[in-house]
C-alpha atoms as a PDB file:
ATOM      1  CA  UNK A   1      -2.231 -16.095 -17.257  1.00  0.00           C
ATOM      2  CA  UNK A   2      -0.886 -12.978 -14.491  1.00  0.00           C
ATOM      3  CA  UNK A   3       2.378 -11.284 -14.731  1.00  0.00           C
ATOM      4  CA  UNK A   4       4.508 -13.272 -11.695  1.00  0.00           C
ATOM      5  CA  UNK A   5       5.931  -9.585 -11.032  1.00  0.00           C
ATOM      6  CA  UNK A   6       2.767  -8.345 -10.438  1.00  0.00           C
ATOM      7  CA  UNK A   7       1.895 -11.196  -7.861  1.00  0.00           C
ATOM      8  CA  UNK A   8       4.819 -11.259  -5.894  1.00  0.00           C
ATOM      9  CA  UNK A   9       4.004  -7.098  -5.259  1.00  0.00           C
ATOM     10  CA  UNK A  10       0.402  -7.959  -4.649  1.00  0.00           C
ATOM     11  CA  UNK A  11       1.037  -9.832  -1.708  1.00  0.00           C
ATOM     12  CA  UNK A  12       4.152  -8.126  -0.280  1.00  0.00           C
ATOM     13  CA  UNK A  13       1.263  -5.557  -0.522  1.00  0.00           C
ATOM     14  CA  UNK A  14      -1.208  -7.086   1.482  1.00  0.00           C
ATOM     15  CA  UNK A  15       1.205  -7.949   3.753  1.00  0.00           C
ATOM     16  CA  UNK A  16       1.663  -4.852   4.801  1.00  0.00           C
ATOM     17  CA  UNK A  17      -1.757  -4.419   4.986  1.00  0.00           C
ATOM     18  CA  UNK A  18      -1.889  -7.013   7.055  1.00  0.00           C
ATOM     19  CA  UNK A  19       0.701  -5.960   9.768  1.00  0.00           C
ATOM     20  CA  UNK A  20      -1.391  -2.814  10.301  1.00  0.00           C
ATOM     21  CA  UNK A  21      -3.816  -4.569  10.555  1.00  0.00           C
ATOM     22  CA  UNK A  22      -2.531  -6.796  12.815  1.00  0.00           C
ATOM     23  CA  UNK A  23      -0.688  -3.600  15.064  1.00  0.00           C
ATOM     24  CA  UNK A  24      -4.852  -2.424  15.087  1.00  0.00           C
ATOM     25  CA  UNK A  25      -5.736  -4.446  16.461  1.00  0.00           C
ATOM     26  CA  UNK A  26      -3.110  -5.182  19.309  1.00  0.00           C
ATOM     27  CA  UNK A  27      -3.900  -2.315  20.110  1.00  0.00           C
ATOM     28  CA  UNK A  28      -7.989  -2.603  20.049  1.00  0.00           C
ATOM     29  CA  UNK A  29      -7.391  -5.206  22.788  1.00  0.00           C
ATOM     30  CA  UNK A  30      -4.551  -2.930  24.691  1.00  0.00           C
ATOM     31  CA  UNK A  31      -8.004  -0.636  25.420  1.00  0.00           C
ATOM     32  CA  UNK A  32     -10.363  -2.986  25.258  1.00  0.00           C
ATOM     33  CA  UNK A  33      -8.431  -4.597  29.222  1.00  0.00           C
ATOM     34  CA  UNK A  34      -7.916  -1.145  30.385  1.00  0.00           C
ATOM     35  CA  UNK A  35     -11.158  -1.281  30.293  1.00  0.00           C
ATOM     36  CA  UNK A  36     -12.413  -3.891  31.687  1.00  0.00           C
ATOM     37  CA  UNK A  37      -9.724  -3.198  34.262  1.00  0.00           C
ATOM     38  CA  UNK A  38     -11.270   0.247  34.996  1.00  0.00           C
ATOM     39  CA  UNK A  39     -14.903  -0.847  35.132  1.00  0.00           C
ATOM     40  CA  UNK A  40     -14.369  -4.167  36.937  1.00  0.00           C
ATOM     41  CA  UNK A  41     -14.800  -2.800  40.435  1.00  0.00           C
ATOM     42  CA  UNK A  42     -18.161  -1.480  39.189  1.00  0.00           C
ATOM     43  CA  UNK A  43     -19.019  -4.309  38.337  1.00  0.00           C
ATOM     44  CA  UNK A  44     -17.905  -7.050  40.986  1.00  0.00           C
ATOM     45  CA  UNK A  45     -20.278  -4.424  43.407  1.00  0.00           C
ATOM     46  CA  UNK A  46     -22.991  -5.397  40.402  1.00  0.00           C
ATOM     47  CA  UNK A  47     -22.678  -8.432  41.333  1.00  0.00           C
ATOM     48  CA  UNK A  48     -22.876  -7.547  44.759  1.00  0.00           C
ATOM     49  CA  UNK A  49     -25.888  -6.181  44.322  1.00  0.00           C
ATOM     50  CA  UNK A  50     -27.222  -8.324  42.630  1.00  0.00           C
END
């Protein structure tokens, strides 16, 4: 049987890692939104020329 203290420490560590991953994901989504906003005029122009 696992030591309960080690299990709790593992859960805390995993929670911290999840928090970091969540922040990284949010930053990536923001960058993607910025890229889409910047390229939208070109995409619109390409659609017009179809």
